[in-house]
Amino acid sequence: MGTIKKNILVGILVSLFATFGGVFLYLEYISRYGFYETLEMIQQGDLYGKVLSIAAIPNLFVFFIFIKKKQDNRAKGVLMATILIALTTLILKFF
């Protein structure tokens, strides 16, 4: 695997990790309810898209860190993963 593809893959993986970290932070610390109560409320209210959108906010910080460090291919990976998350959110909203 070339270094460009490897760096893009690293960016995608970091972005997904940041998104899952954002979900965890939201469920554990921002929500007024417990972790499992919040998960149940998200499921009952069909709020997956909204929570996923909020959870993708850390990708913004990761993207700018990669840009500042001049790691453009990793930033491309973050951007690709963020677009994938946005499309997933759009699909969840309409289906």
PDB file of N, CA and C in Angstrom:
ATOM      1  N   MET A   1       0.863  -1.172   0.000  1.00  0.00           N
ATOM      2  CA  MET A   1       0.000   0.000   0.000  1.00  0.00           C
ATOM      3  C   MET A   1       0.906   1.230   0.000  1.00  0.00           C
ATOM      4  N   GLY A   2       0.619   2.167  -0.884  1.00  0.00           N
ATOM      5  CA  GLY A   2       1.415   3.384  -0.961  1.00  0.00           C
ATOM      6  C   GLY A   2       1.210   4.270   0.256  1.00  0.00           C
ATOM      7  N   THR A   3       2.139   5.176   0.443  1.00  0.00           N
ATOM      8  CA  THR A   3       2.054   6.042   1.623  1.00  0.00           C
ATOM      9  C   THR A   3       0.856   6.981   1.548  1.00  0.00           C
ATOM     10  N   ILE A   4       0.470   7.364   0.333  1.00  0.00           N
ATOM     11  CA  ILE A   4      -0.696   8.249   0.217  1.00  0.00           C
ATOM     12  C   ILE A   4      -1.951   7.522   0.672  1.00  0.00           C
ATOM     13  N   LYS A   5      -2.147   6.302   0.178  1.00  0.00           N
ATOM     14  CA  LYS A   5      -3.328   5.529   0.573  1.00  0.00           C
ATOM     15  C   LYS A   5      -3.288   5.201   2.060  1.00  0.00           C
ATOM     16  N   LYS A   6      -2.097   4.915   2.564  1.00  0.00           N
ATOM     17  CA  LYS A   6      -1.956   4.612   3.991  1.00  0.00           C
ATOM     18  C   LYS A   6      -2.346   5.819   4.836  1.00  0.00           C
ATOM     19  N   ASN A   7      -1.904   7.008   4.444  1.00  0.00           N
ATOM     20  CA  ASN A   7      -2.235   8.227   5.190  1.00  0.00           C
ATOM     21  C   ASN A   7      -3.717   8.550   5.117  1.00  0.00           C
ATOM     22  N   ILE A   8      -4.335   8.317   3.973  1.00  0.00           N
ATOM     23  CA  ILE A   8      -5.780   8.535   3.848  1.00  0.00           C
ATOM     24  C   ILE A   8      -6.526   7.557   4.757  1.00  0.00           C
ATOM     25  N   LEU A   9      -6.084   6.292   4.778  1.00  0.00           N
ATOM     26  CA  LEU A   9      -6.705   5.297   5.654  1.00  0.00           C
ATOM     27  C   LEU A   9      -6.537   5.688   7.119  1.00  0.00           C
ATOM     28  N   VAL A  10      -5.365   6.187   7.491  1.00  0.00           N
ATOM     29  CA  VAL A  10      -5.138   6.645   8.866  1.00  0.00           C
ATOM     30  C   VAL A  10      -6.110   7.772   9.199  1.00  0.00           C
ATOM     31  N   GLY A  11      -6.303   8.711   8.263  1.00  0.00           N
ATOM     32  CA  GLY A  11      -7.244   9.812   8.474  1.00  0.00           C
ATOM     33  C   GLY A  11      -8.665   9.318   8.665  1.00  0.00           C
ATOM     34  N   ILE A  12      -9.061   8.332   7.867  1.00  0.00           N
ATOM     35  CA  ILE A  12     -10.408   7.771   7.988  1.00  0.00           C
ATOM     36  C   ILE A  12     -10.581   7.100   9.352  1.00  0.00           C
ATOM     37  N   LEU A  13      -9.593   6.310   9.752  1.00  0.00           N
ATOM     38  CA  LEU A  13      -9.684   5.606  11.034  1.00  0.00           C
ATOM     39  C   LEU A  13      -9.693   6.577  12.212  1.00  0.00           C
ATOM     40  N   VAL A  14      -8.861   7.605  12.155  1.00  0.00           N
ATOM     41  CA  VAL A  14      -8.838   8.616  13.218  1.00  0.00           C
ATOM     42  C   VAL A  14     -10.182   9.334  13.282  1.00  0.00           C
ATOM     43  N   SER A  15     -10.745   9.626  12.123  1.00  0.00           N
ATOM     44  CA  SER A  15     -12.038  10.302  12.068  1.00  0.00           C
ATOM     45  C   SER A  15     -13.147   9.436  12.668  1.00  0.00           C
ATOM     46  N   LEU A  16     -13.162   8.166  12.330  1.00  0.00           N
ATOM     47  CA  LEU A  16     -14.177   7.268  12.888  1.00  0.00           C
ATOM     48  C   LEU A  16     -13.997   7.130  14.393  1.00  0.00           C
ATOM     49  N   PHE A  17     -12.753   7.042  14.846  1.00  0.00           N
ATOM     50  CA  PHE A  17     -12.479   6.974  16.279  1.00  0.00           C
ATOM     51  C   PHE A  17     -12.956   8.245  16.978  1.00  0.00           C
ATOM     52  N   ALA A  18     -12.704   9.410  16.347  1.00  0.00           N
ATOM     53  CA  ALA A  18     -13.147  10.683  16.928  1.00  0.00           C
ATOM     54  C   ALA A  18     -14.670  10.750  16.987  1.00  0.00           C
ATOM     55  N   THR A  19     -15.333  10.224  15.964  1.00  0.00           N
ATOM     56  CA  THR A  19     -16.797  10.219  15.952  1.00  0.00           C
ATOM     57  C   THR A  19     -17.348   9.318  17.051  1.00  0.00           C
ATOM     58  N   PHE A  20     -16.789   8.128  17.181  1.00  0.00           N
ATOM     59  CA  PHE A  20     -17.247   7.239  18.248  1.00  0.00           C
ATOM     60  C   PHE A  20     -16.931   7.825  19.616  1.00  0.00           C
ATOM     61  N   GLY A  21     -15.797   8.505  19.711  1.00  0.00           N
ATOM     62  CA  GLY A  21     -15.473   9.211  20.952  1.00  0.00           C
ATOM     63  C   GLY A  21     -16.475  10.311  21.233  1.00  0.00           C
ATOM     64  N   GLY A  22     -16.910  11.012  20.180  1.00  0.00           N
ATOM     65  CA  GLY A  22     -17.932  12.046  20.335  1.00  0.00           C
ATOM     66  C   GLY A  22     -19.251  11.477  20.796  1.00  0.00           C
ATOM     67  N   VAL A  23     -19.633  10.318  20.266  1.00  0.00           N
ATOM     68  CA  VAL A  23     -20.862   9.651  20.712  1.00  0.00           C
ATOM     69  C   VAL A  23     -20.748   9.296  22.189  1.00  0.00           C
ATOM     70  N   PHE A  24     -19.612   8.725  22.566  1.00  0.00           N
ATOM     71  CA  PHE A  24     -19.424   8.347  23.955  1.00  0.00           C
ATOM     72  C   PHE A  24     -19.466   9.563  24.876  1.00  0.00           C
ATOM     73  N   LEU A  25     -18.773  10.634  24.494  1.00  0.00           N
ATOM     74  CA  LEU A  25     -18.776  11.849  25.316  1.00  0.00           C
ATOM     75  C   LEU A  25     -20.183  12.411  25.466  1.00  0.00           C
ATOM     76  N   TYR A  26     -20.941  12.396  24.372  1.00  0.00           N
ATOM     77  CA  TYR A  26     -22.312  12.894  24.434  1.00  0.00           C
ATOM     78  C   TYR A  26     -23.152  12.043  25.374  1.00  0.00           C
ATOM     79  N   LEU A  27     -23.065  10.725  25.206  1.00  0.00           N
ATOM     80  CA  LEU A  27     -23.891   9.829  26.014  1.00  0.00           C
ATOM     81  C   LEU A  27     -23.491   9.852  27.484  1.00  0.00           C
ATOM     82  N   GLU A  28     -22.207   9.958  27.742  1.00  0.00           N
ATOM     83  CA  GLU A  28     -21.724   9.837  29.114  1.00  0.00           C
ATOM     84  C   GLU A  28     -21.752  11.166  29.875  1.00  0.00           C
ATOM     85  N   TYR A  29     -21.405  12.260  29.218  1.00  0.00           N
ATOM     86  CA  TYR A  29     -21.189  13.503  29.954  1.00  0.00           C
ATOM     87  C   TYR A  29     -22.153  14.636  29.622  1.00  0.00           C
ATOM     88  N   ILE A  30     -22.660  14.703  28.416  1.00  0.00           N
ATOM     89  CA  ILE A  30     -23.519  15.822  28.027  1.00  0.00           C
ATOM     90  C   ILE A  30     -24.984  15.526  28.321  1.00  0.00           C
ATOM     91  N   SER A  31     -25.393  14.289  28.094  1.00  0.00           N
ATOM     92  CA  SER A  31     -26.782  13.922  28.348  1.00  0.00           C
ATOM     93  C   SER A  31     -27.076  13.978  29.844  1.00  0.00           C
ATOM     94  N   ARG A  32     -28.262  14.418  30.164  1.00  0.00           N
ATOM     95  CA  ARG A  32     -28.676  14.498  31.574  1.00  0.00           C
ATOM     96  C   ARG A  32     -29.000  13.136  32.164  1.00  0.00           C
ATOM     97  N   TYR A  33     -29.163  12.155  31.303  1.00  0.00           N
ATOM     98  CA  TYR A  33     -29.554  10.826  31.742  1.00  0.00           C
ATOM     99  C   TYR A  33     -28.349   9.898  31.707  1.00  0.00           C
ATOM    100  N   GLY A  34     -28.517   8.699  32.201  1.00  0.00           N
ATOM    101  CA  GLY A  34     -27.448   7.718  32.193  1.00  0.00           C
ATOM    102  C   GLY A  34     -27.152   7.228  30.785  1.00  0.00           C
ATOM    103  N   PHE A  35     -26.062   6.522  30.659  1.00  0.00           N
ATOM    104  CA  PHE A  35     -25.599   6.025  29.359  1.00  0.00           C
ATOM    105  C   PHE A  35     -26.668   5.173  28.684  1.00  0.00           C
ATOM    106  N   TYR A  36     -27.148   4.157  29.380  1.00  0.00           N
ATOM    107  CA  TYR A  36     -28.115   3.242  28.778  1.00  0.00           C
ATOM    108  C   TYR A  36     -29.491   3.870  28.617  1.00  0.00           C
ATOM    109  N   GLU A  37     -29.856   4.776  29.532  1.00  0.00           N
ATOM    110  CA  GLU A  37     -31.130   5.495  29.380  1.00  0.00           C
ATOM    111  C   GLU A  37     -31.108   6.354  28.120  1.00  0.00           C
ATOM    112  N   THR A  38     -29.991   7.018  27.902  1.00  0.00           N
ATOM    113  CA  THR A  38     -29.867   7.859  26.712  1.00  0.00           C
ATOM    114  C   THR A  38     -29.919   7.022  25.448  1.00  0.00           C
ATOM    115  N   LEU A  39     -29.233   5.880  25.441  1.00  0.00           N
ATOM    116  CA  LEU A  39     -29.293   4.991  24.279  1.00  0.00           C
ATOM    117  C   LEU A  39     -30.723   4.559  23.986  1.00  0.00           C
ATOM    118  N   GLU A  40     -31.468   4.232  25.034  1.00  0.00           N
ATOM    119  CA  GLU A  40     -32.863   3.816  24.864  1.00  0.00           C
ATOM    120  C   GLU A  40     -33.713   4.964  24.318  1.00  0.00           C
ATOM    121  N   MET A  41     -33.480   6.181  24.817  1.00  0.00           N
ATOM    122  CA  MET A  41     -34.235   7.347  24.335  1.00  0.00           C
ATOM    123  C   MET A  41     -33.907   7.637  22.869  1.00  0.00           C
ATOM    124  N   ILE A  42     -32.668   7.466  22.474  1.00  0.00           N
ATOM    125  CA  ILE A  42     -32.270   7.676  21.078  1.00  0.00           C
ATOM    126  C   ILE A  42     -32.976   6.660  20.192  1.00  0.00           C
ATOM    127  N   GLN A  43     -33.020   5.425  20.648  1.00  0.00           N
ATOM    128  CA  GLN A  43     -33.688   4.383  19.879  1.00  0.00           C
ATOM    129  C   GLN A  43     -35.187   4.637  19.772  1.00  0.00           C
ATOM    130  N   GLN A  44     -35.828   4.990  20.870  1.00  0.00           N
ATOM    131  CA  GLN A  44     -37.268   5.227  20.866  1.00  0.00           C
ATOM    132  C   GLN A  44     -37.636   6.462  20.047  1.00  0.00           C
ATOM    133  N   GLY A  45     -36.812   7.500  20.120  1.00  0.00           N
ATOM    134  CA  GLY A  45     -37.103   8.731  19.401  1.00  0.00           C
ATOM    135  C   GLY A  45     -36.569   8.767  17.993  1.00  0.00           C
ATOM    136  N   ASP A  46     -35.907   7.660  17.554  1.00  0.00           N
ATOM    137  CA  ASP A  46     -35.312   7.587  16.225  1.00  0.00           C
ATOM    138  C   ASP A  46     -34.397   8.793  15.984  1.00  0.00           C
ATOM    139  N   LEU A  47     -33.496   9.018  16.921  1.00  0.00           N
ATOM    140  CA  LEU A  47     -32.615  10.190  16.899  1.00  0.00           C
ATOM    141  C   LEU A  47     -31.190   9.855  16.475  1.00  0.00           C
ATOM    142  N   TYR A  48     -30.995   8.757  15.792  1.00  0.00           N
ATOM    143  CA  TYR A  48     -29.645   8.339  15.417  1.00  0.00           C
ATOM    144  C   TYR A  48     -28.919   9.401  14.590  1.00  0.00           C
ATOM    145  N   GLY A  49     -29.607   9.964  13.631  1.00  0.00           N
ATOM    146  CA  GLY A  49     -28.995  10.958  12.755  1.00  0.00           C
ATOM    147  C   GLY A  49     -28.543  12.201  13.501  1.00  0.00           C
ATOM    148  N   LYS A  50     -29.369  12.660  14.420  1.00  0.00           N
ATOM    149  CA  LYS A  50     -29.028  13.867  15.181  1.00  0.00           C
ATOM    150  C   LYS A  50     -27.826  13.633  16.085  1.00  0.00           C
ATOM    151  N   VAL A  51     -27.805  12.491  16.751  1.00  0.00           N
ATOM    152  CA  VAL A  51     -26.681  12.178  17.639  1.00  0.00           C
ATOM    153  C   VAL A  51     -25.408  11.984  16.819  1.00  0.00           C
ATOM    154  N   LEU A  52     -25.521  11.346  15.673  1.00  0.00           N
ATOM    155  CA  LEU A  52     -24.375  11.142  14.803  1.00  0.00           C
ATOM    156  C   LEU A  52     -23.821  12.470  14.302  1.00  0.00           C
ATOM    157  N   SER A  53     -24.698  13.402  14.012  1.00  0.00           N
ATOM    158  CA  SER A  53     -24.258  14.729  13.575  1.00  0.00           C
ATOM    159  C   SER A  53     -23.491  15.450  14.673  1.00  0.00           C
ATOM    160  N   ILE A  54     -24.001  15.395  15.879  1.00  0.00           N
ATOM    161  CA  ILE A  54     -23.321  16.023  17.012  1.00  0.00           C
ATOM    162  C   ILE A  54     -21.987  15.335  17.277  1.00  0.00           C
ATOM    163  N   ALA A  55     -21.978  14.021  17.142  1.00  0.00           N
ATOM    164  CA  ALA A  55     -20.772  13.251  17.437  1.00  0.00           C
ATOM    165  C   ALA A  55     -19.662  13.489  16.419  1.00  0.00           C
ATOM    166  N   ALA A  56     -20.010  13.978  15.236  1.00  0.00           N
ATOM    167  CA  ALA A  56     -19.002  14.218  14.205  1.00  0.00           C
ATOM    168  C   ALA A  56     -18.247  15.537  14.413  1.00  0.00           C
ATOM    169  N   ILE A  57     -18.645  16.336  15.369  1.00  0.00           N
ATOM    170  CA  ILE A  57     -17.982  17.622  15.621  1.00  0.00           C
ATOM    171  C   ILE A  57     -16.492  17.469  15.917  1.00  0.00           C
ATOM    172  N   PRO A  58     -16.051  16.457  16.679  1.00  0.00           N
ATOM    173  CA  PRO A  58     -14.604  16.316  16.897  1.00  0.00           C
ATOM    174  C   PRO A  58     -13.793  16.151  15.608  1.00  0.00           C
ATOM    175  N   ASN A  59     -14.438  15.700  14.526  1.00  0.00           N
ATOM    176  CA  ASN A  59     -13.736  15.585  13.250  1.00  0.00           C
ATOM    177  C   ASN A  59     -13.219  16.932  12.770  1.00  0.00           C
ATOM    178  N   LEU A  60     -13.923  17.981  13.107  1.00  0.00           N
ATOM    179  CA  LEU A  60     -13.482  19.322  12.729  1.00  0.00           C
ATOM    180  C   LEU A  60     -12.121  19.636  13.342  1.00  0.00           C
ATOM    181  N   PHE A  61     -11.972  19.317  14.607  1.00  0.00           N
ATOM    182  CA  PHE A  61     -10.708  19.575  15.287  1.00  0.00           C
ATOM    183  C   PHE A  61      -9.595  18.695  14.727  1.00  0.00           C
ATOM    184  N   VAL A  62      -9.903  17.415  14.479  1.00  0.00           N
ATOM    185  CA  VAL A  62      -8.909  16.498  13.914  1.00  0.00           C
ATOM    186  C   VAL A  62      -8.481  16.984  12.537  1.00  0.00           C
ATOM    187  N   PHE A  63      -9.430  17.416  11.730  1.00  0.00           N
ATOM    188  CA  PHE A  63      -9.131  17.919  10.388  1.00  0.00           C
ATOM    189  C   PHE A  63      -8.164  19.095  10.456  1.00  0.00           C
ATOM    190  N   PHE A  64      -8.448  20.062  11.309  1.00  0.00           N
ATOM    191  CA  PHE A  64      -7.581  21.238  11.387  1.00  0.00           C
ATOM    192  C   PHE A  64      -6.214  20.907  11.983  1.00  0.00           C
ATOM    193  N   ILE A  65      -6.135  19.939  12.858  1.00  0.00           N
ATOM    194  CA  ILE A  65      -4.827  19.514  13.379  1.00  0.00           C
ATOM    195  C   ILE A  65      -3.987  18.925  12.247  1.00  0.00           C
ATOM    196  N   PHE A  66      -4.590  18.069  11.420  1.00  0.00           N
ATOM    197  CA  PHE A  66      -3.858  17.489  10.295  1.00  0.00           C
ATOM    198  C   PHE A  66      -3.449  18.567   9.290  1.00  0.00           C
ATOM    199  N   ILE A  67      -4.322  19.540   9.049  1.00  0.00           N
ATOM    200  CA  ILE A  67      -3.976  20.630   8.128  1.00  0.00           C
ATOM    201  C   ILE A  67      -2.817  21.443   8.695  1.00  0.00           C
ATOM    202  N   LYS A  68      -2.869  21.765   9.982  1.00  0.00           N
ATOM    203  CA  LYS A  68      -1.824  22.561  10.612  1.00  0.00           C
ATOM    204  C   LYS A  68      -0.476  21.843  10.577  1.00  0.00           C
ATOM    205  N   LYS A  69      -0.504  20.521  10.716  1.00  0.00           N
ATOM    206  CA  LYS A  69       0.727  19.729  10.671  1.00  0.00           C
ATOM    207  C   LYS A  69       1.156  19.405   9.238  1.00  0.00           C
ATOM    208  N   LYS A  70       0.428  19.936   8.274  1.00  0.00           N
ATOM    209  CA  LYS A  70       0.685  19.713   6.846  1.00  0.00           C
ATOM    210  C   LYS A  70       0.607  18.228   6.470  1.00  0.00           C
ATOM    211  N   GLN A  71      -0.334  17.532   7.076  1.00  0.00           N
ATOM    212  CA  GLN A  71      -0.610  16.139   6.747  1.00  0.00           C
ATOM    213  C   GLN A  71      -1.893  16.096   5.926  1.00  0.00           C
ATOM    214  N   ASP A  72      -1.769  16.583   4.701  1.00  0.00           N
ATOM    215  CA  ASP A  72      -2.937  16.776   3.847  1.00  0.00           C
ATOM    216  C   ASP A  72      -3.668  15.476   3.510  1.00  0.00           C
ATOM    217  N   ASN A  73      -2.941  14.398   3.296  1.00  0.00           N
ATOM    218  CA  ASN A  73      -3.614  13.146   2.945  1.00  0.00           C
ATOM    219  C   ASN A  73      -4.418  12.592   4.117  1.00  0.00           C
ATOM    220  N   ARG A  74      -3.926  12.766   5.318  1.00  0.00           N
ATOM    221  CA  ARG A  74      -4.705  12.357   6.486  1.00  0.00           C
ATOM    222  C   ARG A  74      -5.941  13.240   6.623  1.00  0.00           C
ATOM    223  N   ALA A  75      -5.790  14.528   6.337  1.00  0.00           N
ATOM    224  CA  ALA A  75      -6.937  15.438   6.366  1.00  0.00           C
ATOM    225  C   ALA A  75      -7.967  15.026   5.309  1.00  0.00           C
ATOM    226  N   LYS A  76      -7.496  14.552   4.155  1.00  0.00           N
ATOM    227  CA  LYS A  76      -8.418  14.053   3.129  1.00  0.00           C
ATOM    228  C   LYS A  76      -9.217  12.860   3.653  1.00  0.00           C
ATOM    229  N   GLY A  77      -8.542  11.977   4.392  1.00  0.00           N
ATOM    230  CA  GLY A  77      -9.228  10.829   4.974  1.00  0.00           C
ATOM    231  C   GLY A  77     -10.300  11.251   5.963  1.00  0.00           C
ATOM    232  N   VAL A  78      -9.981  12.259   6.783  1.00  0.00           N
ATOM    233  CA  VAL A  78     -10.965  12.788   7.737  1.00  0.00           C
ATOM    234  C   VAL A  78     -12.151  13.366   6.976  1.00  0.00           C
ATOM    235  N   LEU A  79     -11.866  14.106   5.915  1.00  0.00           N
ATOM    236  CA  LEU A  79     -12.938  14.702   5.115  1.00  0.00           C
ATOM    237  C   LEU A  79     -13.812  13.622   4.477  1.00  0.00           C
ATOM    238  N   MET A  80     -13.180  12.577   3.962  1.00  0.00           N
ATOM    239  CA  MET A  80     -13.948  11.484   3.347  1.00  0.00           C
ATOM    240  C   MET A  80     -14.853  10.803   4.373  1.00  0.00           C
ATOM    241  N   ALA A  81     -14.325  10.543   5.553  1.00  0.00           N
ATOM    242  CA  ALA A  81     -15.127   9.900   6.600  1.00  0.00           C
ATOM    243  C   ALA A  81     -16.257  10.817   7.054  1.00  0.00           C
ATOM    244  N   THR A  82     -15.992  12.109   7.136  1.00  0.00           N
ATOM    245  CA  THR A  82     -17.027  13.061   7.549  1.00  0.00           C
ATOM    246  C   THR A  82     -18.147  13.125   6.511  1.00  0.00           C
ATOM    247  N   ILE A  83     -17.781  13.077   5.251  1.00  0.00           N
ATOM    248  CA  ILE A  83     -18.794  13.050   4.187  1.00  0.00           C
ATOM    249  C   ILE A  83     -19.613  11.764   4.284  1.00  0.00           C
ATOM    250  N   LEU A  84     -18.955  10.651   4.569  1.00  0.00           N
ATOM    251  CA  LEU A  84     -19.667   9.388   4.743  1.00  0.00           C
ATOM    252  C   LEU A  84     -20.631   9.461   5.919  1.00  0.00           C
ATOM    253  N   ILE A  85     -20.214  10.093   7.007  1.00  0.00           N
ATOM    254  CA  ILE A  85     -21.085  10.268   8.172  1.00  0.00           C
ATOM    255  C   ILE A  85     -22.270  11.161   7.815  1.00  0.00           C
ATOM    256  N   ALA A  86     -22.015  12.215   7.048  1.00  0.00           N
ATOM    257  CA  ALA A  86     -23.099  13.109   6.629  1.00  0.00           C
ATOM    258  C   ALA A  86     -24.105  12.371   5.753  1.00  0.00           C
ATOM    259  N   LEU A  87     -23.622  11.547   4.832  1.00  0.00           N
ATOM    260  CA  LEU A  87     -24.532  10.768   3.987  1.00  0.00           C
ATOM    261  C   LEU A  87     -25.323   9.765   4.816  1.00  0.00           C
ATOM    262  N   THR A  88     -24.669   9.152   5.792  1.00  0.00           N
ATOM    263  CA  THR A  88     -25.374   8.224   6.686  1.00  0.00           C
ATOM    264  C   THR A  88     -26.467   8.949   7.452  1.00  0.00           C
ATOM    265  N   THR A  89     -26.149  10.152   7.941  1.00  0.00           N
ATOM    266  CA  THR A  89     -27.138  10.960   8.656  1.00  0.00           C
ATOM    267  C   THR A  89     -28.318  11.291   7.751  1.00  0.00           C
ATOM    268  N   LEU A  90     -28.030  11.634   6.505  1.00  0.00           N
ATOM    269  CA  LEU A  90     -29.088  11.955   5.553  1.00  0.00           C
ATOM    270  C   LEU A  90     -29.970  10.737   5.300  1.00  0.00           C
ATOM    271  N   ILE A  91     -29.363   9.580   5.133  1.00  0.00           N
ATOM    272  CA  ILE A  91     -30.132   8.353   4.912  1.00  0.00           C
ATOM    273  C   ILE A  91     -30.989   8.020   6.114  1.00  0.00           C
ATOM    274  N   LEU A  92     -30.413   8.161   7.328  1.00  0.00           N
ATOM    275  CA  LEU A  92     -31.167   7.863   8.538  1.00  0.00           C
ATOM    276  C   LEU A  92     -32.347   8.823   8.724  1.00  0.00           C
ATOM    277  N   LYS A  93     -32.208  10.033   8.230  1.00  0.00           N
ATOM    278  CA  LYS A  93     -33.265  11.005   8.383  1.00  0.00           C
ATOM    279  C   LYS A  93     -34.477  10.674   7.517  1.00  0.00           C
ATOM    280  N   PHE A  94     -34.241  10.155   6.334  1.00  0.00           N
ATOM    281  CA  PHE A  94     -35.334   9.906   5.410  1.00  0.00           C
ATOM    282  C   PHE A  94     -35.837   8.466   5.384  1.00  0.00           C
ATOM    283  N   PHE A  95     -35.157   7.559   6.054  1.00  0.00           N
ATOM    284  CA  PHE A  95     -35.609   6.162   6.043  1.00  0.00           C
ATOM    285  C   PHE A  95     -35.819   5.619   7.395  1.00  0.00           C
TER     286      PHE A  95
END
